[in-house]
Amino acid sequence: MTDIFNVLSPGAYTTVQDLGRFGWQPFGVPPSGMLDDFAGRVANMLVGNPDTAALLELTFSGPTLKILSPATIALTGADIPFSINGVPAAGWCALPVQPGDTVTVGMARSGCRGYLAVSHGIDVPLVMGSRSCYVGAAIGGFKGRPLQAGDCLRRGPGEADYLARRVPVERVPAYPSEITLRAIPGPQDDFFDHGLDVFFNASFTVSPQADRMGCRLQGPVISQIEAMPQSIISEPSLPGGVQIPQDGQPIILLSEQTVGGYTKIATVISSDIPRVAQALPGDRIRFERIDIDAAHALYRHQASLLKRIRYEMELSAAEQRFRRDRPDPAAVDWDSPDVVDKLIHCLYQT
C-alpha cells in the first residue's frame, strides 16, 4: 500500500465508498456504497480499476488534496469544477498526478455528488466484505467517518500506469433541475386511490432533508384510503422504495436504511437511482408510471451502456499500450517467435 492523498480540506461531506456491503441487512446493516453507481463505476473504469474498487464520494463540494505518490485520477458525477495545481482540469477523463501536486475540487454547479477515483483504489480495511463508509454505525471507509483535514489516505499496491481514457461528451449524463423518475406502483399501492393519481401527476420539490438514507420531497399531500391503516408491519427496505409517512410527503429511500413501517406507494427503478442521488434541494421531481417489463428493458439498456463504455476504454488502452511498448522495428529480430507473443500481449493487456 502507498500513501496517496493528504487531506488539506475535506469538502462538505466526503466519504470512501465502493459498490456496497451486501448480505447484512437482516442484521440491521445497510448496504451503503456509491449512491450514483453509474458515475462511480465509470470513474473506476477511467483509472483502470475494477468496479469494486473504493473511491471518494463528494457531496455538494469536494476536498483539497495533496498528492503523495504518482497515480491516475478521474472525477465523474456532478458538474464540479476542479483543478490540479491551480490549472482547470476536465471531468470524465483520466489525469496523471505526481507527488507534490494539489488537487482542488470546488462546489457543484449541477448535480449533487461527485466521484473521485484513483488508480488501484482507496485502500481502507474491509468491513463485512466492503470498504464503504456507513457513518451511522461508524464502520467502513476511513475510520467510519467523513474525511477531515489532516487525514492521510492510501491506495492499493501497483505501479502508476497512465493511459488517456475519457468518456465521450455524448455519454456524460446531464443533471437538470427538472427530474423525471420512472416508477412502478407498489408494493402497497392498494392503500391509495386518489393519492396514487396525485403521486403520478404532481410535481414535488427536493427538501433540504435529503441524505444517504433517503430523499424527502415536498408537495401536495398523498392521502391513503381512510379505511386502510396508516402504517404496515415493518418490512425490508430497498433503494427506490417511496414511503408515504403520516404527513403525506413522499420519501425516496436510498442505500442506508434496512427496514420501514410506512406504506410504499411506488418503487423508483434501479436505473433511475443515480438521478435521485444527484438531486439538489430545490430541484423538481415528477414520477412517470411504467411497468416491470419496461423497467427490465431500461436496466438492460443501462448495463449495455456500461459495457460499451468499458469496451471503448479498453480498446483505447490496448492501442496506447501497443504504441508505447512496441520496439524499434529496425532493432527487432522478426524471426523470433517471442515477437508476435509480445505484440499480442500489448494489444490485449487491459
Protein backbone atom coordinates (compact mmCIF):
# COMPACT_ATOMS: atom_id res chain seq x y z
CA MET A 1 0.00 0.00 0.00
CA THR A 2 1.12 3.53 -0.83
CA ASP A 3 0.21 6.90 0.68
CA ILE A 4 -1.71 8.84 -1.97
CA PHE A 5 -3.78 11.73 -0.51
CA ASN A 6 -3.10 14.15 2.32
CA VAL A 7 -6.41 15.88 3.03
CA LEU A 8 -5.88 19.65 3.26
CA SER A 9 -9.61 20.42 3.26
CA PRO A 10 -12.30 17.70 3.34
CA GLY A 11 -15.17 19.33 1.45
CA ALA A 12 -18.76 19.35 2.71
CA TYR A 13 -19.18 15.59 3.14
CA THR A 14 -16.60 13.27 1.60
CA THR A 15 -16.59 9.54 2.32
CA VAL A 16 -14.94 6.38 0.99
CA GLN A 17 -17.42 4.16 -0.87
CA ASP A 18 -17.42 1.09 -3.10
CA LEU A 19 -20.35 -0.84 -4.60
CA GLY A 20 -21.71 -1.64 -1.15
CA ARG A 21 -21.97 -4.10 1.71
CA PHE A 22 -24.45 -6.87 0.91
CA GLY A 23 -25.87 -9.76 2.91
CA TRP A 24 -26.00 -7.98 6.27
CA GLN A 25 -29.41 -6.27 6.09
CA PRO A 26 -31.07 -8.99 8.22
CA PHE A 27 -28.72 -7.86 10.99
CA GLY A 28 -29.57 -4.17 10.59
CA VAL A 29 -26.54 -3.21 8.49
CA PRO A 30 -27.49 -1.33 5.29
CA PRO A 31 -25.57 -1.71 2.01
CA SER A 32 -24.21 1.88 1.88
CA GLY A 33 -21.99 2.23 -1.23
CA MET A 34 -21.96 4.70 -4.12
CA LEU A 35 -25.35 6.37 -4.44
CA ASP A 36 -24.74 7.11 -8.13
CA ASP A 37 -23.17 3.81 -9.10
CA PHE A 38 -23.13 4.73 -12.80
CA ALA A 39 -20.79 7.67 -12.19
CA GLY A 40 -18.80 5.66 -9.65
CA ARG A 41 -18.31 2.68 -11.95
CA VAL A 42 -17.21 4.93 -14.81
CA ALA A 43 -14.74 6.76 -12.56
CA ASN A 44 -13.12 3.42 -11.75
CA MET A 45 -13.03 2.45 -15.43
CA LEU A 46 -11.22 5.67 -16.28
CA VAL A 47 -8.31 4.88 -13.96
CA GLY A 48 -8.17 1.18 -14.87
CA ASN A 49 -9.77 -0.14 -11.68
CA PRO A 50 -12.33 -2.93 -11.31
CA ASP A 51 -15.89 -1.83 -10.50
CA THR A 52 -15.40 -2.96 -6.90
CA ALA A 53 -12.55 -0.54 -6.12
CA ALA A 54 -13.13 2.05 -3.40
CA LEU A 55 -13.18 5.75 -4.27
CA LEU A 56 -14.24 9.07 -2.77
CA GLU A 57 -17.87 10.22 -2.89
CA LEU A 58 -18.15 14.02 -2.66
CA THR A 59 -21.39 15.76 -1.66
CA PHE A 60 -22.09 19.37 -2.74
CA SER A 61 -18.41 20.33 -2.66
CA GLY A 62 -15.14 18.46 -2.81
CA PRO A 63 -11.85 18.28 -0.95
CA THR A 64 -8.43 19.78 -1.48
CA LEU A 65 -5.83 17.01 -1.61
CA LYS A 66 -2.04 16.94 -1.67
CA ILE A 67 -0.75 14.12 -3.89
CA LEU A 68 1.82 11.88 -2.20
CA SER A 69 2.71 9.38 -4.94
CA PRO A 70 2.36 9.02 -8.74
CA ALA A 71 -1.16 7.98 -9.78
CA THR A 72 -4.00 8.45 -12.21
CA ILE A 73 -7.19 10.16 -11.02
CA ALA A 74 -10.62 10.80 -12.54
CA LEU A 75 -13.61 12.87 -11.39
CA THR A 76 -17.13 11.97 -12.56
CA GLY A 77 -20.68 12.65 -11.40
CA ALA A 78 -21.92 16.15 -10.69
CA ASP A 79 -20.62 19.06 -12.73
CA ILE A 80 -17.94 20.18 -10.26
CA PRO A 81 -15.06 22.46 -11.22
CA PHE A 82 -11.67 21.17 -10.15
CA SER A 83 -8.04 21.94 -10.75
CA ILE A 84 -4.55 20.47 -10.47
CA ASN A 85 -2.02 22.99 -9.19
CA GLY A 86 -4.49 25.76 -9.98
CA VAL A 87 -4.90 24.72 -13.62
CA PRO A 88 -8.51 23.81 -14.50
CA ALA A 89 -8.93 20.09 -15.18
CA ALA A 90 -11.59 18.17 -17.10
CA GLY A 91 -14.05 15.73 -15.60
CA TRP A 92 -14.91 12.31 -17.01
CA CYS A 93 -11.33 11.64 -18.14
CA ALA A 94 -8.15 10.15 -16.70
CA LEU A 95 -5.49 12.56 -15.48
CA PRO A 96 -1.93 11.86 -14.24
CA VAL A 97 -0.77 13.35 -10.94
CA GLN A 98 2.65 13.47 -9.30
CA PRO A 99 3.90 13.87 -5.72
CA GLY A 100 3.51 17.47 -4.59
CA ASP A 101 0.54 18.22 -6.85
CA THR A 102 -2.54 19.80 -5.27
CA VAL A 103 -5.98 18.72 -6.43
CA THR A 104 -8.77 21.16 -5.56
CA VAL A 105 -12.43 20.22 -6.09
CA GLY A 106 -14.98 23.04 -5.92
CA MET A 107 -18.74 23.42 -5.50
CA ALA A 108 -21.21 21.51 -7.67
CA ARG A 109 -22.78 23.60 -10.45
CA SER A 110 -25.35 20.91 -11.28
CA GLY A 111 -25.89 17.56 -9.67
CA CYS A 112 -25.11 16.79 -6.05
CA ARG A 113 -22.42 14.08 -5.83
CA GLY A 114 -19.04 13.62 -7.47
CA TYR A 115 -16.81 10.53 -7.58
CA LEU A 116 -13.03 10.82 -7.39
CA ALA A 117 -11.25 7.58 -8.30
CA VAL A 118 -7.53 6.86 -8.06
CA SER A 119 -5.60 4.07 -9.78
CA HIS A 120 -5.51 0.89 -7.65
CA GLY A 121 -8.33 2.18 -5.45
CA ILE A 122 -8.52 3.73 -1.99
CA ASP A 123 -7.08 1.25 0.49
CA VAL A 124 -9.03 1.07 3.75
CA PRO A 125 -9.88 -2.08 5.76
CA LEU A 126 -12.67 -4.33 4.56
CA VAL A 127 -15.61 -4.44 6.99
CA MET A 128 -18.15 -7.17 6.30
CA GLY A 129 -16.77 -7.52 2.79
CA SER A 130 -16.88 -3.83 1.84
CA ARG A 131 -14.81 -0.67 2.19
CA SER A 132 -17.92 1.55 2.12
CA CYS A 133 -18.34 4.03 4.94
CA TYR A 134 -21.56 3.79 6.99
CA VAL A 135 -21.38 6.83 9.22
CA GLY A 136 -24.48 5.79 11.19
CA ALA A 137 -22.56 2.89 12.74
CA ALA A 138 -19.06 4.37 12.36
CA ILE A 139 -17.88 1.42 10.26
CA GLY A 140 -16.02 1.11 6.97
CA GLY A 141 -14.42 3.89 4.98
CA PHE A 142 -11.74 5.94 6.71
CA LYS A 143 -12.27 5.36 10.43
CA GLY A 144 -16.03 5.13 9.89
CA ARG A 145 -16.50 8.85 9.25
CA PRO A 146 -16.32 11.58 6.60
CA LEU A 147 -12.85 12.83 5.81
CA GLN A 148 -11.23 15.51 7.97
CA ALA A 149 -8.30 17.85 7.39
CA GLY A 150 -5.05 16.06 8.16
CA ASP A 151 -6.23 12.58 7.13
CA CYS A 152 -3.80 10.54 5.05
CA LEU A 153 -5.29 8.05 2.59
CA ARG A 154 -3.55 5.12 0.93
CA ARG A 155 -4.10 3.45 -2.42
CA GLY A 156 -3.76 -0.20 -3.30
CA PRO A 157 -0.48 -1.73 -4.47
CA GLY A 158 0.71 -1.31 -8.05
CA GLU A 159 2.66 0.96 -10.34
CA ALA A 160 1.25 4.14 -11.85
CA ASP A 161 0.37 3.43 -15.49
CA TYR A 162 -1.32 6.46 -17.03
CA LEU A 163 -3.45 5.86 -20.12
CA ALA A 164 -5.52 8.63 -21.70
CA ARG A 165 -9.01 7.27 -21.16
CA ARG A 166 -12.03 9.56 -21.47
CA VAL A 167 -15.81 9.37 -21.78
CA PRO A 168 -17.25 10.92 -24.97
CA VAL A 169 -19.31 14.04 -24.29
CA GLU A 170 -22.47 12.38 -25.61
CA ARG A 171 -22.22 9.68 -22.93
CA VAL A 172 -21.80 12.09 -19.99
CA PRO A 173 -25.10 12.37 -18.07
CA ALA A 174 -26.80 15.72 -17.63
CA TYR A 175 -28.13 16.69 -14.22
CA PRO A 176 -31.09 19.02 -14.80
CA SER A 177 -33.08 20.67 -12.02
CA GLU A 178 -36.30 19.23 -13.52
CA ILE A 179 -36.11 15.47 -12.99
CA THR A 180 -38.38 12.65 -14.15
CA LEU A 181 -38.19 9.37 -12.23
CA ARG A 182 -39.70 6.22 -13.65
CA ALA A 183 -41.51 4.15 -11.06
CA ILE A 184 -43.60 1.01 -10.70
CA PRO A 185 -46.69 1.22 -8.44
CA GLY A 186 -46.45 -0.75 -5.20
CA PRO A 187 -45.88 -2.76 -3.19
CA GLN A 188 -48.65 -1.05 -1.15
CA ASP A 189 -50.36 0.84 -3.98
CA ASP A 190 -53.65 -0.76 -2.94
CA PHE A 191 -53.60 1.54 0.12
CA PHE A 192 -54.18 4.51 -2.19
CA ASP A 193 -56.84 5.54 -4.71
CA HIS A 194 -56.88 9.30 -5.44
CA GLY A 195 -53.45 9.55 -3.77
CA LEU A 196 -51.97 7.35 -6.50
CA ASP A 197 -53.25 9.74 -9.18
CA VAL A 198 -51.79 12.72 -7.32
CA PHE A 199 -48.43 10.94 -6.98
CA PHE A 200 -48.06 10.29 -10.72
CA ASN A 201 -49.37 13.66 -11.86
CA ALA A 202 -47.98 16.21 -9.42
CA SER A 203 -44.57 17.86 -9.16
CA PHE A 204 -42.54 17.66 -5.94
CA THR A 205 -39.60 19.66 -4.61
CA VAL A 206 -36.49 18.09 -3.10
CA SER A 207 -36.32 19.27 0.51
CA PRO A 208 -33.15 20.12 2.45
CA GLN A 209 -33.80 16.93 4.47
CA ALA A 210 -32.20 14.70 1.85
CA ASP A 211 -29.25 12.47 2.70
CA ARG A 212 -27.85 8.99 2.09
CA MET A 213 -30.82 7.40 3.88
CA GLY A 214 -33.44 8.98 1.70
CA CYS A 215 -34.62 11.92 -0.36
CA ARG A 216 -37.54 13.71 1.30
CA LEU A 217 -39.91 15.58 -1.03
CA GLN A 218 -42.36 18.43 -0.54
CA GLY A 219 -45.56 18.86 -2.50
CA PRO A 220 -49.26 18.01 -2.49
CA VAL A 221 -50.33 15.64 0.26
CA ILE A 222 -50.59 11.99 -0.80
CA SER A 223 -53.60 10.63 1.08
CA GLN A 224 -54.35 6.99 1.80
CA ILE A 225 -57.73 5.30 1.69
CA GLU A 226 -59.30 6.15 5.05
CA ALA A 227 -60.15 2.54 5.87
CA MET A 228 -56.51 1.47 5.48
CA PRO A 229 -54.05 1.53 8.39
CA GLN A 230 -51.58 4.41 8.45
CA SER A 231 -48.63 2.03 8.68
CA ILE A 232 -47.70 -1.56 7.97
CA ILE A 233 -45.71 -4.21 9.81
CA SER A 234 -42.09 -3.22 9.31
CA GLU A 235 -40.57 -4.94 6.29
CA PRO A 236 -37.23 -4.85 4.44
CA SER A 237 -36.50 -1.63 2.56
CA LEU A 238 -34.67 -1.31 -0.74
CA PRO A 239 -33.32 1.73 -2.59
CA GLY A 240 -36.06 3.30 -4.69
CA GLY A 241 -38.98 2.49 -2.41
CA VAL A 242 -41.19 5.58 -1.99
CA GLN A 243 -42.58 5.75 1.53
CA ILE A 244 -45.61 7.84 2.42
CA PRO A 245 -45.43 8.82 6.10
CA GLN A 246 -48.36 10.25 8.02
CA ASP A 247 -47.75 13.80 6.75
CA GLY A 248 -48.33 12.58 3.17
CA GLN A 249 -44.94 13.82 1.88
CA PRO A 250 -43.01 11.17 -0.13
CA ILE A 251 -39.58 9.88 0.90
CA ILE A 252 -37.47 8.06 -1.71
CA LEU A 253 -35.37 5.51 0.15
CA LEU A 254 -31.69 5.20 -0.66
CA SER A 255 -28.89 2.90 0.48
CA GLU A 256 -28.69 3.42 4.24
CA GLN A 257 -31.96 2.03 5.51
CA THR A 258 -32.84 -1.60 6.21
CA VAL A 259 -36.50 -1.75 7.35
CA GLY A 260 -39.50 0.54 7.41
CA GLY A 261 -43.12 0.56 8.52
CA TYR A 262 -44.59 3.23 6.24
CA THR A 263 -46.58 2.23 3.18
CA LYS A 264 -44.67 2.37 -0.11
CA ILE A 265 -46.79 3.77 -2.90
CA ALA A 266 -44.27 3.03 -5.65
CA THR A 267 -40.71 1.93 -6.37
CA VAL A 268 -38.29 4.04 -8.44
CA ILE A 269 -36.48 1.77 -10.90
CA SER A 270 -32.83 1.00 -10.15
CA SER A 271 -31.68 2.67 -13.39
CA ASP A 272 -33.00 6.00 -12.06
CA ILE A 273 -31.47 5.85 -8.57
CA PRO A 274 -28.47 7.87 -9.88
CA ARG A 275 -30.92 10.66 -10.77
CA VAL A 276 -32.14 10.68 -7.16
CA ALA A 277 -28.55 10.68 -5.90
CA GLN A 278 -27.79 13.77 -7.99
CA ALA A 279 -30.90 15.76 -6.98
CA LEU A 280 -30.19 19.00 -5.13
CA PRO A 281 -32.51 20.69 -2.62
CA GLY A 282 -34.92 22.81 -4.63
CA ASP A 283 -34.86 20.56 -7.69
CA ARG A 284 -38.26 19.47 -9.03
CA ILE A 285 -39.25 15.81 -9.39
CA ARG A 286 -42.10 14.14 -11.26
CA PHE A 287 -42.87 10.44 -11.38
CA GLU A 288 -43.62 8.52 -14.56
CA ARG A 289 -45.58 5.30 -14.24
CA ILE A 290 -44.10 2.27 -16.04
CA ASP A 291 -44.49 -1.50 -15.78
CA ILE A 292 -41.99 -4.21 -14.83
CA ASP A 293 -41.20 -5.15 -18.44
CA ALA A 294 -40.22 -1.56 -19.25
CA ALA A 295 -38.12 -1.43 -16.07
CA HIS A 296 -36.25 -4.59 -17.10
CA ALA A 297 -35.63 -3.17 -20.58
CA LEU A 298 -34.22 0.05 -19.10
CA TYR A 299 -31.99 -1.96 -16.76
CA ARG A 300 -30.62 -3.95 -19.68
CA HIS A 301 -30.01 -0.74 -21.60
CA GLN A 302 -28.08 0.74 -18.68
CA ALA A 303 -25.98 -2.41 -18.30
CA SER A 304 -25.30 -2.43 -22.05
CA LEU A 305 -24.19 1.22 -21.94
CA LEU A 306 -21.71 0.49 -19.14
CA LYS A 307 -20.32 -2.48 -21.09
CA ARG A 308 -19.97 -0.31 -24.19
CA ILE A 309 -18.11 2.40 -22.26
CA ARG A 310 -15.76 -0.19 -20.75
CA TYR A 311 -15.15 -1.77 -24.16
CA GLU A 312 -14.30 1.59 -25.74
CA MET A 313 -11.90 2.43 -22.92
CA GLU A 314 -10.19 -0.97 -23.03
CA LEU A 315 -9.80 -0.76 -26.79
CA SER A 316 -8.22 2.68 -26.47
CA ALA A 317 -5.94 1.49 -23.64
CA ALA A 318 -4.80 -1.53 -25.65
CA GLU A 319 -3.92 0.69 -28.62
CA GLN A 320 -1.97 3.07 -26.39
CA ARG A 321 -0.05 0.21 -24.78
CA PHE A 322 0.77 -1.21 -28.20
CA ARG A 323 2.08 2.12 -29.49
CA ARG A 324 4.02 2.78 -26.29
CA ASP A 325 5.57 -0.65 -25.79
CA ARG A 326 6.30 -1.75 -29.34
CA PRO A 327 10.03 -1.90 -30.10
CA ASP A 328 12.00 -0.03 -32.77
CA PRO A 329 11.33 -2.05 -35.97
CA ALA A 330 14.98 -1.72 -37.04
CA ALA A 331 16.15 -3.37 -33.82
CA VAL A 332 13.74 -6.32 -33.85
CA ASP A 333 14.62 -9.87 -34.75
CA TRP A 334 11.42 -10.54 -36.67
CA ASP A 335 12.29 -14.24 -36.92
CA SER A 336 11.97 -14.59 -33.13
CA PRO A 337 8.77 -16.38 -32.01
CA ASP A 338 8.64 -14.05 -28.99
CA VAL A 339 7.84 -11.01 -31.11
CA VAL A 340 4.28 -12.00 -32.02
CA ASP A 341 3.56 -13.04 -28.43
CA LYS A 342 4.72 -9.64 -27.18
CA LEU A 343 2.56 -7.75 -29.67
CA ILE A 344 -0.50 -9.82 -28.76
CA HIS A 345 0.19 -9.20 -25.07
CA CYS A 346 0.41 -5.46 -25.65
CA LEU A 347 -2.84 -5.48 -27.60
CA TYR A 348 -4.93 -7.42 -25.11
CA GLN A 349 -3.48 -6.30 -21.77
CA THR A 350 -6.28 -4.18 -20.26
